[in-house]
Amino acid sequence: MNSDAKVRRTLHFRFTMPTADAAQIGAMLKAMAPFYQMFGDTRIRLLQNVDDPAKFTQEIEYEAPAGLEVNRQQIASDARMQTYLQAWRSMFPGTVEVDVYKEV
């Protein structure tokens, strides 16, 4: 595999908040921006469910070296990733569902 090869991935974080205040949630997510930079070229969107405004999906598209994709467990155990996840979970009560997608 080419060491310069990149893979494009899309993460979906789905969660429900006690309030439907998208501005407050958006501000919290923007504060997390430095953590997103560890993924490299990144695009982030916050989506609010129109039928249930307390439900949100954060969509993160990123490119990463193919070598990182080979061992996602290693990434998950990275200290920076653990810090990011702990901070993220502390902001959102309840369950957070995470899905990882690739374009086909």
N, C-alpha and C. Protein backbone atom coordinates (compact mmCIF):
# COMPACT_ATOMS: atom_id res chain seq x y z
N MET A 1 0.84 -1.18 0.00
CA MET A 1 0.00 0.00 0.00
C MET A 1 0.88 1.24 0.00
N ASN A 2 0.58 2.20 -0.81
CA ASN A 2 1.32 3.45 -0.91
C ASN A 2 1.25 4.20 0.42
N SER A 3 2.44 4.60 0.95
CA SER A 3 2.45 5.27 2.25
C SER A 3 1.78 6.63 2.20
N ASP A 4 1.62 7.21 1.00
CA ASP A 4 0.95 8.49 0.85
C ASP A 4 -0.54 8.33 0.57
N ALA A 5 -1.01 7.11 0.43
CA ALA A 5 -2.41 6.87 0.10
C ALA A 5 -3.32 7.37 1.22
N LYS A 6 -4.44 7.95 0.83
CA LYS A 6 -5.42 8.46 1.79
C LYS A 6 -6.74 7.73 1.60
N VAL A 7 -7.48 7.62 2.68
CA VAL A 7 -8.83 7.09 2.61
C VAL A 7 -9.78 8.17 3.12
N ARG A 8 -10.94 8.26 2.52
CA ARG A 8 -11.95 9.25 2.91
C ARG A 8 -13.01 8.52 3.73
N ARG A 9 -13.34 9.06 4.88
CA ARG A 9 -14.33 8.45 5.75
C ARG A 9 -15.33 9.51 6.20
N THR A 10 -16.53 9.06 6.54
CA THR A 10 -17.57 9.93 7.09
C THR A 10 -18.04 9.32 8.40
N LEU A 11 -17.97 10.11 9.45
CA LEU A 11 -18.47 9.68 10.76
C LEU A 11 -19.81 10.34 11.01
N HIS A 12 -20.72 9.60 11.60
CA HIS A 12 -21.99 10.16 12.05
C HIS A 12 -22.09 9.91 13.55
N PHE A 13 -22.21 10.99 14.31
CA PHE A 13 -22.47 10.92 15.74
C PHE A 13 -23.93 11.31 15.93
N ARG A 14 -24.76 10.40 16.40
CA ARG A 14 -26.18 10.70 16.61
C ARG A 14 -26.46 10.75 18.10
N PHE A 15 -27.16 11.81 18.52
CA PHE A 15 -27.44 11.99 19.93
C PHE A 15 -28.70 12.82 20.12
N THR A 16 -29.28 12.72 21.32
CA THR A 16 -30.46 13.50 21.68
C THR A 16 -30.08 14.39 22.85
N MET A 17 -30.50 15.64 22.78
CA MET A 17 -30.19 16.62 23.83
C MET A 17 -31.46 16.95 24.60
N PRO A 18 -31.30 17.41 25.85
CA PRO A 18 -32.48 17.81 26.63
C PRO A 18 -33.12 19.08 26.08
N THR A 19 -32.37 19.85 25.28
CA THR A 19 -32.89 21.07 24.68
C THR A 19 -32.66 21.03 23.18
N ALA A 20 -33.49 21.74 22.44
CA ALA A 20 -33.34 21.77 20.99
C ALA A 20 -32.57 23.00 20.54
N ASP A 21 -31.83 23.63 21.44
CA ASP A 21 -31.09 24.86 21.13
C ASP A 21 -29.86 24.53 20.29
N ALA A 22 -30.01 24.63 18.97
CA ALA A 22 -28.92 24.28 18.05
C ALA A 22 -27.74 25.24 18.19
N ALA A 23 -27.99 26.49 18.53
CA ALA A 23 -26.90 27.46 18.66
C ALA A 23 -25.96 27.07 19.80
N GLN A 24 -26.52 26.66 20.92
CA GLN A 24 -25.70 26.24 22.06
C GLN A 24 -24.89 25.00 21.72
N ILE A 25 -25.51 24.05 21.06
CA ILE A 25 -24.81 22.82 20.69
C ILE A 25 -23.73 23.12 19.66
N GLY A 26 -24.05 23.97 18.69
CA GLY A 26 -23.07 24.36 17.68
C GLY A 26 -21.85 25.00 18.30
N ALA A 27 -22.07 25.86 19.31
CA ALA A 27 -20.94 26.51 19.99
C ALA A 27 -20.06 25.48 20.70
N MET A 28 -20.68 24.49 21.33
CA MET A 28 -19.90 23.45 22.01
C MET A 28 -19.08 22.67 21.00
N LEU A 29 -19.67 22.35 19.86
CA LEU A 29 -18.96 21.57 18.86
C LEU A 29 -17.82 22.37 18.23
N LYS A 30 -18.02 23.67 18.04
CA LYS A 30 -16.95 24.51 17.51
C LYS A 30 -15.77 24.57 18.47
N ALA A 31 -16.04 24.51 19.76
CA ALA A 31 -14.97 24.51 20.75
C ALA A 31 -14.11 23.25 20.64
N MET A 32 -14.68 22.21 20.05
CA MET A 32 -13.96 20.95 19.89
C MET A 32 -13.13 20.93 18.60
N ALA A 33 -13.19 21.97 17.80
CA ALA A 33 -12.52 22.00 16.49
C ALA A 33 -11.06 21.57 16.52
N PRO A 34 -10.26 21.97 17.52
CA PRO A 34 -8.85 21.52 17.51
C PRO A 34 -8.69 20.00 17.48
N PHE A 35 -9.62 19.29 18.05
CA PHE A 35 -9.53 17.83 18.03
C PHE A 35 -9.79 17.29 16.63
N TYR A 36 -10.65 17.95 15.87
CA TYR A 36 -10.94 17.50 14.52
C TYR A 36 -9.72 17.60 13.62
N GLN A 37 -8.84 18.54 13.92
CA GLN A 37 -7.67 18.75 13.07
C GLN A 37 -6.74 17.54 13.06
N MET A 38 -6.84 16.68 14.05
CA MET A 38 -5.99 15.49 14.05
C MET A 38 -6.39 14.53 12.93
N PHE A 39 -7.57 14.75 12.33
CA PHE A 39 -7.99 13.93 11.20
C PHE A 39 -7.48 14.49 9.87
N GLY A 40 -6.87 15.66 9.87
CA GLY A 40 -6.38 16.26 8.63
C GLY A 40 -7.48 17.06 7.95
N ASP A 41 -7.60 16.90 6.62
CA ASP A 41 -8.60 17.61 5.83
C ASP A 41 -9.99 17.18 6.30
N THR A 42 -10.73 18.10 6.94
CA THR A 42 -11.97 17.74 7.60
C THR A 42 -13.11 18.68 7.21
N ARG A 43 -14.31 18.12 7.08
CA ARG A 43 -15.53 18.90 6.88
C ARG A 43 -16.52 18.46 7.94
N ILE A 44 -17.11 19.43 8.65
CA ILE A 44 -17.98 19.13 9.77
C ILE A 44 -19.33 19.81 9.57
N ARG A 45 -20.40 19.06 9.84
CA ARG A 45 -21.75 19.62 9.78
C ARG A 45 -22.53 19.15 10.99
N LEU A 46 -23.42 20.02 11.46
CA LEU A 46 -24.36 19.66 12.53
C LEU A 46 -25.75 19.67 11.92
N LEU A 47 -26.43 18.55 12.02
CA LEU A 47 -27.77 18.41 11.45
C LEU A 47 -28.78 18.24 12.58
N GLN A 48 -29.92 18.92 12.47
CA GLN A 48 -30.98 18.83 13.47
C GLN A 48 -32.19 18.16 12.82
N ASN A 49 -32.78 17.19 13.49
CA ASN A 49 -33.94 16.47 13.00
C ASN A 49 -35.14 17.42 13.00
N VAL A 50 -35.78 17.61 11.84
CA VAL A 50 -36.90 18.55 11.74
C VAL A 50 -38.15 18.02 12.42
N ASP A 51 -38.29 16.71 12.54
CA ASP A 51 -39.46 16.13 13.19
C ASP A 51 -39.29 15.99 14.70
N ASP A 52 -38.06 15.92 15.16
CA ASP A 52 -37.74 15.82 16.59
C ASP A 52 -36.52 16.70 16.85
N PRO A 53 -36.72 18.01 17.09
CA PRO A 53 -35.61 18.97 17.16
C PRO A 53 -34.58 18.71 18.26
N ALA A 54 -34.84 17.84 19.20
CA ALA A 54 -33.86 17.52 20.23
C ALA A 54 -32.85 16.48 19.74
N LYS A 55 -33.09 15.90 18.55
CA LYS A 55 -32.18 14.90 17.98
C LYS A 55 -31.26 15.57 16.98
N PHE A 56 -29.97 15.23 17.08
CA PHE A 56 -28.95 15.81 16.24
C PHE A 56 -28.06 14.73 15.66
N THR A 57 -27.45 15.05 14.52
CA THR A 57 -26.39 14.24 13.94
C THR A 57 -25.23 15.16 13.62
N GLN A 58 -24.07 14.82 14.11
CA GLN A 58 -22.86 15.54 13.73
C GLN A 58 -22.18 14.68 12.68
N GLU A 59 -21.92 15.28 11.53
CA GLU A 59 -21.29 14.57 10.42
C GLU A 59 -19.88 15.12 10.25
N ILE A 60 -18.90 14.23 10.25
CA ILE A 60 -17.51 14.61 10.07
C ILE A 60 -16.95 13.81 8.90
N GLU A 61 -16.53 14.51 7.85
CA GLU A 61 -15.85 13.87 6.73
C GLU A 61 -14.38 14.19 6.85
N TYR A 62 -13.54 13.17 6.69
CA TYR A 62 -12.10 13.40 6.83
C TYR A 62 -11.32 12.47 5.92
N GLU A 63 -10.09 12.85 5.66
CA GLU A 63 -9.13 12.01 4.97
C GLU A 63 -8.04 11.64 5.95
N ALA A 64 -7.63 10.41 5.90
CA ALA A 64 -6.57 9.95 6.79
C ALA A 64 -5.64 9.04 6.01
N PRO A 65 -4.40 8.95 6.44
CA PRO A 65 -3.49 8.00 5.80
C PRO A 65 -4.07 6.58 5.86
N ALA A 66 -3.95 5.86 4.77
CA ALA A 66 -4.51 4.51 4.70
C ALA A 66 -3.98 3.63 5.82
N GLY A 67 -2.74 3.85 6.24
CA GLY A 67 -2.15 3.06 7.31
C GLY A 67 -2.91 3.18 8.62
N LEU A 68 -3.48 4.35 8.88
CA LEU A 68 -4.27 4.53 10.09
C LEU A 68 -5.55 3.73 10.03
N GLU A 69 -6.13 3.67 8.86
CA GLU A 69 -7.39 2.94 8.70
C GLU A 69 -7.21 1.45 8.95
N VAL A 70 -6.02 0.95 8.65
CA VAL A 70 -5.74 -0.47 8.83
C VAL A 70 -5.91 -0.87 10.30
N ASN A 71 -5.55 0.01 11.21
CA ASN A 71 -5.62 -0.32 12.62
C ASN A 71 -6.40 0.73 13.39
N ARG A 72 -7.72 0.69 13.27
CA ARG A 72 -8.57 1.66 13.96
C ARG A 72 -8.48 1.52 15.48
N GLN A 73 -8.21 0.31 15.98
CA GLN A 73 -8.06 0.11 17.42
C GLN A 73 -6.90 0.93 17.96
N GLN A 74 -5.82 1.01 17.20
CA GLN A 74 -4.67 1.80 17.63
C GLN A 74 -5.05 3.27 17.72
N ILE A 75 -5.83 3.75 16.76
CA ILE A 75 -6.29 5.13 16.80
C ILE A 75 -7.17 5.35 18.02
N ALA A 76 -8.09 4.41 18.27
CA ALA A 76 -9.01 4.54 19.40
C ALA A 76 -8.27 4.60 20.73
N SER A 77 -7.12 3.96 20.82
CA SER A 77 -6.37 3.97 22.07
C SER A 77 -5.38 5.13 22.16
N ASP A 78 -5.28 5.95 21.11
CA ASP A 78 -4.40 7.12 21.11
C ASP A 78 -4.84 8.10 22.20
N ALA A 79 -3.90 8.64 22.94
CA ALA A 79 -4.21 9.54 24.06
C ALA A 79 -5.00 10.76 23.60
N ARG A 80 -4.66 11.32 22.43
CA ARG A 80 -5.41 12.49 21.92
C ARG A 80 -6.84 12.11 21.61
N MET A 81 -7.05 10.93 21.03
CA MET A 81 -8.40 10.48 20.72
C MET A 81 -9.18 10.22 22.00
N GLN A 82 -8.56 9.63 23.00
CA GLN A 82 -9.23 9.39 24.27
C GLN A 82 -9.67 10.71 24.92
N THR A 83 -8.80 11.71 24.88
CA THR A 83 -9.13 13.04 25.42
C THR A 83 -10.33 13.61 24.68
N TYR A 84 -10.31 13.52 23.35
CA TYR A 84 -11.40 14.01 22.52
C TYR A 84 -12.71 13.32 22.90
N LEU A 85 -12.68 11.99 22.97
CA LEU A 85 -13.90 11.24 23.25
C LEU A 85 -14.45 11.54 24.64
N GLN A 86 -13.57 11.67 25.63
CA GLN A 86 -14.03 12.00 26.98
C GLN A 86 -14.69 13.37 27.01
N ALA A 87 -14.08 14.34 26.36
CA ALA A 87 -14.66 15.69 26.31
C ALA A 87 -15.99 15.66 25.57
N TRP A 88 -16.04 14.94 24.48
CA TRP A 88 -17.26 14.86 23.67
C TRP A 88 -18.39 14.24 24.48
N ARG A 89 -18.10 13.12 25.15
CA ARG A 89 -19.14 12.43 25.94
C ARG A 89 -19.61 13.27 27.12
N SER A 90 -18.72 14.08 27.70
CA SER A 90 -19.12 14.90 28.84
C SER A 90 -20.10 15.99 28.43
N MET A 91 -20.10 16.38 27.17
CA MET A 91 -21.00 17.43 26.69
C MET A 91 -22.40 16.91 26.39
N PHE A 92 -22.54 15.63 26.12
CA PHE A 92 -23.80 15.09 25.66
C PHE A 92 -24.31 14.00 26.60
N PRO A 93 -25.43 14.24 27.27
CA PRO A 93 -26.01 13.21 28.13
C PRO A 93 -26.60 12.08 27.29
N GLY A 94 -26.72 10.94 27.88
CA GLY A 94 -27.37 9.84 27.17
C GLY A 94 -26.45 9.13 26.21
N THR A 95 -27.06 8.38 25.33
CA THR A 95 -26.33 7.54 24.38
C THR A 95 -25.91 8.33 23.15
N VAL A 96 -24.71 8.06 22.70
CA VAL A 96 -24.22 8.62 21.45
C VAL A 96 -23.93 7.45 20.53
N GLU A 97 -24.58 7.44 19.38
CA GLU A 97 -24.34 6.39 18.39
C GLU A 97 -23.31 6.91 17.39
N VAL A 98 -22.35 6.05 17.05
CA VAL A 98 -21.28 6.43 16.11
C VAL A 98 -21.25 5.40 14.99
N ASP A 99 -21.31 5.90 13.76
CA ASP A 99 -21.18 5.04 12.58
C ASP A 99 -20.06 5.62 11.72
N VAL A 100 -19.30 4.73 11.07
CA VAL A 100 -18.23 5.13 10.16
C VAL A 100 -18.60 4.61 8.77
N TYR A 101 -18.58 5.50 7.79
CA TYR A 101 -18.94 5.16 6.42
C TYR A 101 -17.82 5.42 5.45
N LYS A 102 -17.85 4.72 4.33
CA LYS A 102 -16.97 5.02 3.22
C LYS A 102 -17.85 5.18 1.99
N GLU A 103 -17.40 5.99 1.05
CA GLU A 103 -18.15 6.20 -0.17
C GLU A 103 -17.88 5.02 -1.11
N VAL A 104 -18.92 4.56 -1.77
CA VAL A 104 -18.78 3.45 -2.71
C VAL A 104 -19.14 3.88 -4.12
